Amino acid sequence: MDVIEPRWRTASRSSNNGGDCVEVADNLSGRVLVRDSKDRAGGTLSFAPDAWRTFVVATSR
């Protein structure tokens, strides 16, 4: 079976933090993945889409 890697993208608000970037990706199980772009091997957080959406809305105010 082929392993499909997530397509990582820099979070839209990360560019405002002087290079402290967070990357996000969607995976095949429907989860939202989050990692530090400066430490990609340091671990990945996984969120349910509703939890991620709530976080994004709360932090964009």
PDB file of N, CA and C in Angstrom:
ATOM      1  N   MET A   1       0.835  -1.177   0.000  1.00  0.00           N
ATOM      2  CA  MET A   1       0.000   0.000   0.000  1.00  0.00           C
ATOM      3  C   MET A   1       0.883   1.245   0.000  1.00  0.00           C
ATOM      4  N   ASP A   2       0.530   2.231  -0.805  1.00  0.00           N
ATOM      5  CA  ASP A   2       1.273   3.480  -0.876  1.00  0.00           C
ATOM      6  C   ASP A   2       0.953   4.356   0.326  1.00  0.00           C
ATOM      7  N   VAL A   3       1.964   5.025   0.841  1.00  0.00           N
ATOM      8  CA  VAL A   3       1.776   5.985   1.928  1.00  0.00           C
ATOM      9  C   VAL A   3       1.663   7.372   1.302  1.00  0.00           C
ATOM     10  N   ILE A   4       0.602   8.067   1.624  1.00  0.00           N
ATOM     11  CA  ILE A   4       0.397   9.414   1.089  1.00  0.00           C
ATOM     12  C   ILE A   4       0.784  10.426   2.158  1.00  0.00           C
ATOM     13  N   GLU A   5       1.767  11.234   1.830  1.00  0.00           N
ATOM     14  CA  GLU A   5       2.241  12.255   2.759  1.00  0.00           C
ATOM     15  C   GLU A   5       1.265  13.429   2.782  1.00  0.00           C
ATOM     16  N   PRO A   6       1.074  14.050   3.950  1.00  0.00           N
ATOM     17  CA  PRO A   6       0.217  15.238   4.015  1.00  0.00           C
ATOM     18  C   PRO A   6       0.827  16.388   3.211  1.00  0.00           C
ATOM     19  N   ARG A   7      -0.015  17.249   2.694  1.00  0.00           N
ATOM     20  CA  ARG A   7       0.450  18.454   1.989  1.00  0.00           C
ATOM     21  C   ARG A   7       0.483  19.594   2.993  1.00  0.00           C
ATOM     22  N   TRP A   8       1.661  19.905   3.456  1.00  0.00           N
ATOM     23  CA  TRP A   8       1.844  20.941   4.464  1.00  0.00           C
ATOM     24  C   TRP A   8       1.798  22.313   3.826  1.00  0.00           C
ATOM     25  N   ARG A   9       1.221  23.274   4.538  1.00  0.00           N
ATOM     26  CA  ARG A   9       1.190  24.672   4.105  1.00  0.00           C
ATOM     27  C   ARG A   9       1.416  25.541   5.332  1.00  0.00           C
ATOM     28  N   THR A  10       2.025  26.693   5.117  1.00  0.00           N
ATOM     29  CA  THR A  10       2.253  27.621   6.218  1.00  0.00           C
ATOM     30  C   THR A  10       0.931  28.259   6.599  1.00  0.00           C
ATOM     31  N   ALA A  11       0.649  28.281   7.877  1.00  0.00           N
ATOM     32  CA  ALA A  11      -0.582  28.892   8.350  1.00  0.00           C
ATOM     33  C   ALA A  11      -0.598  30.362   7.958  1.00  0.00           C
ATOM     34  N   SER A  12      -1.752  30.862   7.559  1.00  0.00           N
ATOM     35  CA  SER A  12      -1.854  32.224   7.014  1.00  0.00           C
ATOM     36  C   SER A  12      -1.419  33.286   8.004  1.00  0.00           C
ATOM     37  N   ARG A  13      -1.601  33.090   9.280  1.00  0.00           N
ATOM     38  CA  ARG A  13      -1.218  34.095  10.268  1.00  0.00           C
ATOM     39  C   ARG A  13       0.243  33.982  10.695  1.00  0.00           C
ATOM     40  N   SER A  14       0.934  32.943  10.301  1.00  0.00           N
ATOM     41  CA  SER A  14       2.321  32.759  10.707  1.00  0.00           C
ATOM     42  C   SER A  14       3.243  33.812  10.120  1.00  0.00           C
ATOM     43  N   SER A  15       2.936  34.331   8.958  1.00  0.00           N
ATOM     44  CA  SER A  15       3.813  35.319   8.328  1.00  0.00           C
ATOM     45  C   SER A  15       3.869  36.614   9.120  1.00  0.00           C
ATOM     46  N   ASN A  16       2.955  36.819  10.041  1.00  0.00           N
ATOM     47  CA  ASN A  16       2.942  38.035  10.860  1.00  0.00           C
ATOM     48  C   ASN A  16       3.788  37.902  12.117  1.00  0.00           C
ATOM     49  N   ASN A  17       4.413  36.749  12.329  1.00  0.00           N
ATOM     50  CA  ASN A  17       5.140  36.489  13.568  1.00  0.00           C
ATOM     51  C   ASN A  17       6.651  36.485  13.398  1.00  0.00           C
ATOM     52  N   GLY A  18       7.159  37.156  12.425  1.00  0.00           N
ATOM     53  CA  GLY A  18       8.605  37.254  12.248  1.00  0.00           C
ATOM     54  C   GLY A  18       9.295  35.931  11.973  1.00  0.00           C
ATOM     55  N   GLY A  19       8.641  35.034  11.260  1.00  0.00           N
ATOM     56  CA  GLY A  19       9.265  33.775  10.883  1.00  0.00           C
ATOM     57  C   GLY A  19       8.951  32.611  11.795  1.00  0.00           C
ATOM     58  N   ASP A  20       8.226  32.848  12.883  1.00  0.00           N
ATOM     59  CA  ASP A  20       7.811  31.747  13.756  1.00  0.00           C
ATOM     60  C   ASP A  20       6.620  31.071  13.112  1.00  0.00           C
ATOM     61  N   CYS A  21       6.883  30.116  12.248  1.00  0.00           N
ATOM     62  CA  CYS A  21       5.835  29.555  11.402  1.00  0.00           C
ATOM     63  C   CYS A  21       5.254  28.264  11.939  1.00  0.00           C
ATOM     64  N   VAL A  22       3.967  28.150  11.755  1.00  0.00           N
ATOM     65  CA  VAL A  22       3.234  26.924  12.034  1.00  0.00           C
ATOM     66  C   VAL A  22       2.742  26.404  10.693  1.00  0.00           C
ATOM     67  N   GLU A  23       2.895  25.115  10.483  1.00  0.00           N
ATOM     68  CA  GLU A  23       2.403  24.500   9.262  1.00  0.00           C
ATOM     69  C   GLU A  23       1.194  23.638   9.595  1.00  0.00           C
ATOM     70  N   VAL A  24       0.240  23.613   8.689  1.00  0.00           N
ATOM     71  CA  VAL A  24      -0.961  22.797   8.863  1.00  0.00           C
ATOM     72  C   VAL A  24      -1.149  21.924   7.624  1.00  0.00           C
ATOM     73  N   ALA A  25      -1.824  20.797   7.831  1.00  0.00           N
ATOM     74  CA  ALA A  25      -2.137  19.883   6.730  1.00  0.00           C
ATOM     75  C   ALA A  25      -3.374  19.091   7.104  1.00  0.00           C
ATOM     76  N   ASP A  26      -4.090  18.656   6.085  1.00  0.00           N
ATOM     77  CA  ASP A  26      -5.204  17.736   6.280  1.00  0.00           C
ATOM     78  C   ASP A  26      -4.682  16.345   5.934  1.00  0.00           C
ATOM     79  N   ASN A  27      -5.144  15.343   6.667  1.00  0.00           N
ATOM     80  CA  ASN A  27      -4.715  13.992   6.318  1.00  0.00           C
ATOM     81  C   ASN A  27      -5.909  13.152   5.886  1.00  0.00           C
ATOM     82  N   LEU A  28      -5.656  11.938   5.479  1.00  0.00           N
ATOM     83  CA  LEU A  28      -6.699  11.093   4.901  1.00  0.00           C
ATOM     84  C   LEU A  28      -7.780  10.683   5.897  1.00  0.00           C
ATOM     85  N   SER A  29      -7.477  10.728   7.187  1.00  0.00           N
ATOM     86  CA  SER A  29      -8.472  10.335   8.181  1.00  0.00           C
ATOM     87  C   SER A  29      -9.353  11.510   8.588  1.00  0.00           C
ATOM     88  N   GLY A  30      -9.183  12.665   7.913  1.00  0.00           N
ATOM     89  CA  GLY A  30     -10.026  13.814   8.193  1.00  0.00           C
ATOM     90  C   GLY A  30      -9.530  14.682   9.327  1.00  0.00           C
ATOM     91  N   ARG A  31      -8.350  14.433   9.832  1.00  0.00           N
ATOM     92  CA  ARG A  31      -7.790  15.222  10.929  1.00  0.00           C
ATOM     93  C   ARG A  31      -7.004  16.396  10.369  1.00  0.00           C
ATOM     94  N   VAL A  32      -6.827  17.432  11.190  1.00  0.00           N
ATOM     95  CA  VAL A  32      -5.987  18.577  10.847  1.00  0.00           C
ATOM     96  C   VAL A  32      -4.678  18.402  11.617  1.00  0.00           C
ATOM     97  N   LEU A  33      -3.566  18.415  10.896  1.00  0.00           N
ATOM     98  CA  LEU A  33      -2.251  18.236  11.498  1.00  0.00           C
ATOM     99  C   LEU A  33      -1.563  19.586  11.627  1.00  0.00           C
ATOM    100  N   VAL A  34      -0.805  19.770  12.706  1.00  0.00           N
ATOM    101  CA  VAL A  34      -0.109  21.027  12.965  1.00  0.00           C
ATOM    102  C   VAL A  34       1.301  20.694  13.427  1.00  0.00           C
ATOM    103  N   ARG A  35       2.293  21.438  12.903  1.00  0.00           N
ATOM    104  CA  ARG A  35       3.682  21.245  13.331  1.00  0.00           C
ATOM    105  C   ARG A  35       4.435  22.566  13.256  1.00  0.00           C
ATOM    106  N   ASP A  36       5.576  22.606  13.912  1.00  0.00           N
ATOM    107  CA  ASP A  36       6.468  23.768  13.903  1.00  0.00           C
ATOM    108  C   ASP A  36       7.372  23.649  12.683  1.00  0.00           C
ATOM    109  N   SER A  37       7.384  24.658  11.837  1.00  0.00           N
ATOM    110  CA  SER A  37       8.178  24.575  10.609  1.00  0.00           C
ATOM    111  C   SER A  37       9.674  24.582  10.882  1.00  0.00           C
ATOM    112  N   LYS A  38      10.091  25.067  12.041  1.00  0.00           N
ATOM    113  CA  LYS A  38      11.514  25.088  12.373  1.00  0.00           C
ATOM    114  C   LYS A  38      11.976  23.782  13.012  1.00  0.00           C
ATOM    115  N   ASP A  39      11.026  22.921  13.386  1.00  0.00           N
ATOM    116  CA  ASP A  39      11.347  21.647  14.020  1.00  0.00           C
ATOM    117  C   ASP A  39      10.366  20.587  13.522  1.00  0.00           C
ATOM    118  N   ARG A  40      10.420  20.298  12.250  1.00  0.00           N
ATOM    119  CA  ARG A  40       9.454  19.400  11.619  1.00  0.00           C
ATOM    120  C   ARG A  40       9.501  17.985  12.189  1.00  0.00           C
ATOM    121  N   ALA A  41      10.649  17.567  12.676  1.00  0.00           N
ATOM    122  CA  ALA A  41      10.766  16.233  13.256  1.00  0.00           C
ATOM    123  C   ALA A  41      10.369  16.220  14.731  1.00  0.00           C
ATOM    124  N   GLY A  42      10.040  17.371  15.273  1.00  0.00           N
ATOM    125  CA  GLY A  42       9.750  17.495  16.702  1.00  0.00           C
ATOM    126  C   GLY A  42       8.378  17.034  17.124  1.00  0.00           C
ATOM    127  N   GLY A  43       7.561  16.604  16.206  1.00  0.00           N
ATOM    128  CA  GLY A  43       6.241  16.106  16.560  1.00  0.00           C
ATOM    129  C   GLY A  43       5.138  16.828  15.819  1.00  0.00           C
ATOM    130  N   THR A  44       4.002  16.195  15.769  1.00  0.00           N
ATOM    131  CA  THR A  44       2.837  16.728  15.064  1.00  0.00           C
ATOM    132  C   THR A  44       1.623  16.623  15.974  1.00  0.00           C
ATOM    133  N   LEU A  45       0.861  17.694  16.053  1.00  0.00           N
ATOM    134  CA  LEU A  45      -0.408  17.673  16.778  1.00  0.00           C
ATOM    135  C   LEU A  45      -1.513  17.322  15.797  1.00  0.00           C
ATOM    136  N   SER A  46      -2.544  16.660  16.281  1.00  0.00           N
ATOM    137  CA  SER A  46      -3.658  16.237  15.442  1.00  0.00           C
ATOM    138  C   SER A  46      -4.964  16.693  16.089  1.00  0.00           C
ATOM    139  N   PHE A  47      -5.806  17.364  15.292  1.00  0.00           N
ATOM    140  CA  PHE A  47      -7.059  17.913  15.795  1.00  0.00           C
ATOM    141  C   PHE A  47      -8.226  17.451  14.934  1.00  0.00           C
ATOM    142  N   ALA A  48      -9.378  17.289  15.573  1.00  0.00           N
ATOM    143  CA  ALA A  48     -10.613  17.081  14.827  1.00  0.00           C
ATOM    144  C   ALA A  48     -10.930  18.387  14.099  1.00  0.00           C
ATOM    145  N   PRO A  49     -11.521  18.331  12.911  1.00  0.00           N
ATOM    146  CA  PRO A  49     -11.806  19.549  12.153  1.00  0.00           C
ATOM    147  C   PRO A  49     -12.626  20.585  12.936  1.00  0.00           C
ATOM    148  N   ASP A  50     -13.616  20.150  13.707  1.00  0.00           N
ATOM    149  CA  ASP A  50     -14.417  21.108  14.485  1.00  0.00           C
ATOM    150  C   ASP A  50     -13.588  21.813  15.547  1.00  0.00           C
ATOM    151  N   ALA A  51     -12.695  21.091  16.198  1.00  0.00           N
ATOM    152  CA  ALA A  51     -11.822  21.698  17.203  1.00  0.00           C
ATOM    153  C   ALA A  51     -10.882  22.708  16.561  1.00  0.00           C
ATOM    154  N   TRP A  52     -10.331  22.356  15.406  1.00  0.00           N
ATOM    155  CA  TRP A  52      -9.433  23.275  14.705  1.00  0.00           C
ATOM    156  C   TRP A  52     -10.172  24.529  14.263  1.00  0.00           C
ATOM    157  N   ARG A  53     -11.363  24.370  13.738  1.00  0.00           N
ATOM    158  CA  ARG A  53     -12.174  25.509  13.291  1.00  0.00           C
ATOM    159  C   ARG A  53     -12.484  26.434  14.475  1.00  0.00           C
ATOM    160  N   THR A  54     -12.833  25.861  15.622  1.00  0.00           N
ATOM    161  CA  THR A  54     -13.099  26.659  16.822  1.00  0.00           C
ATOM    162  C   THR A  54     -11.865  27.441  17.240  1.00  0.00           C
ATOM    163  N   PHE A  55     -10.706  26.807  17.198  1.00  0.00           N
ATOM    164  CA  PHE A  55      -9.449  27.484  17.540  1.00  0.00           C
ATOM    165  C   PHE A  55      -9.169  28.642  16.590  1.00  0.00           C
ATOM    166  N   VAL A  56      -9.307  28.412  15.295  1.00  0.00           N
ATOM    167  CA  VAL A  56      -9.017  29.446  14.296  1.00  0.00           C
ATOM    168  C   VAL A  56      -9.951  30.636  14.486  1.00  0.00           C
ATOM    169  N   VAL A  57     -11.227  30.386  14.696  1.00  0.00           N
ATOM    170  CA  VAL A  57     -12.196  31.480  14.888  1.00  0.00           C
ATOM    171  C   VAL A  57     -11.864  32.253  16.163  1.00  0.00           C
ATOM    172  N   ALA A  58     -11.547  31.547  17.237  1.00  0.00           N
ATOM    173  CA  ALA A  58     -11.256  32.204  18.514  1.00  0.00           C
ATOM    174  C   ALA A  58      -9.990  33.055  18.468  1.00  0.00           C
ATOM    175  N   THR A  59      -8.994  32.636  17.694  1.00  0.00           N
ATOM    176  CA  THR A  59      -7.750  33.386  17.640  1.00  0.00           C
ATOM    177  C   THR A  59      -7.724  34.461  16.570  1.00  0.00           C
ATOM    178  N   SER A  60      -8.745  34.521  15.745  1.00  0.00           N
ATOM    179  CA  SER A  60      -8.771  35.533  14.686  1.00  0.00           C
ATOM    180  C   SER A  60      -9.523  36.793  15.099  1.00  0.00           C
ATOM    181  N   ARG A  61      -9.975  36.821  16.302  1.00  0.00           N
ATOM    182  CA  ARG A  61     -10.726  38.000  16.787  1.00  0.00           C
ATOM    183  C   ARG A  61      -9.818  39.059  17.305  1.00  0.00           C
TER     184      ARG A  61
END
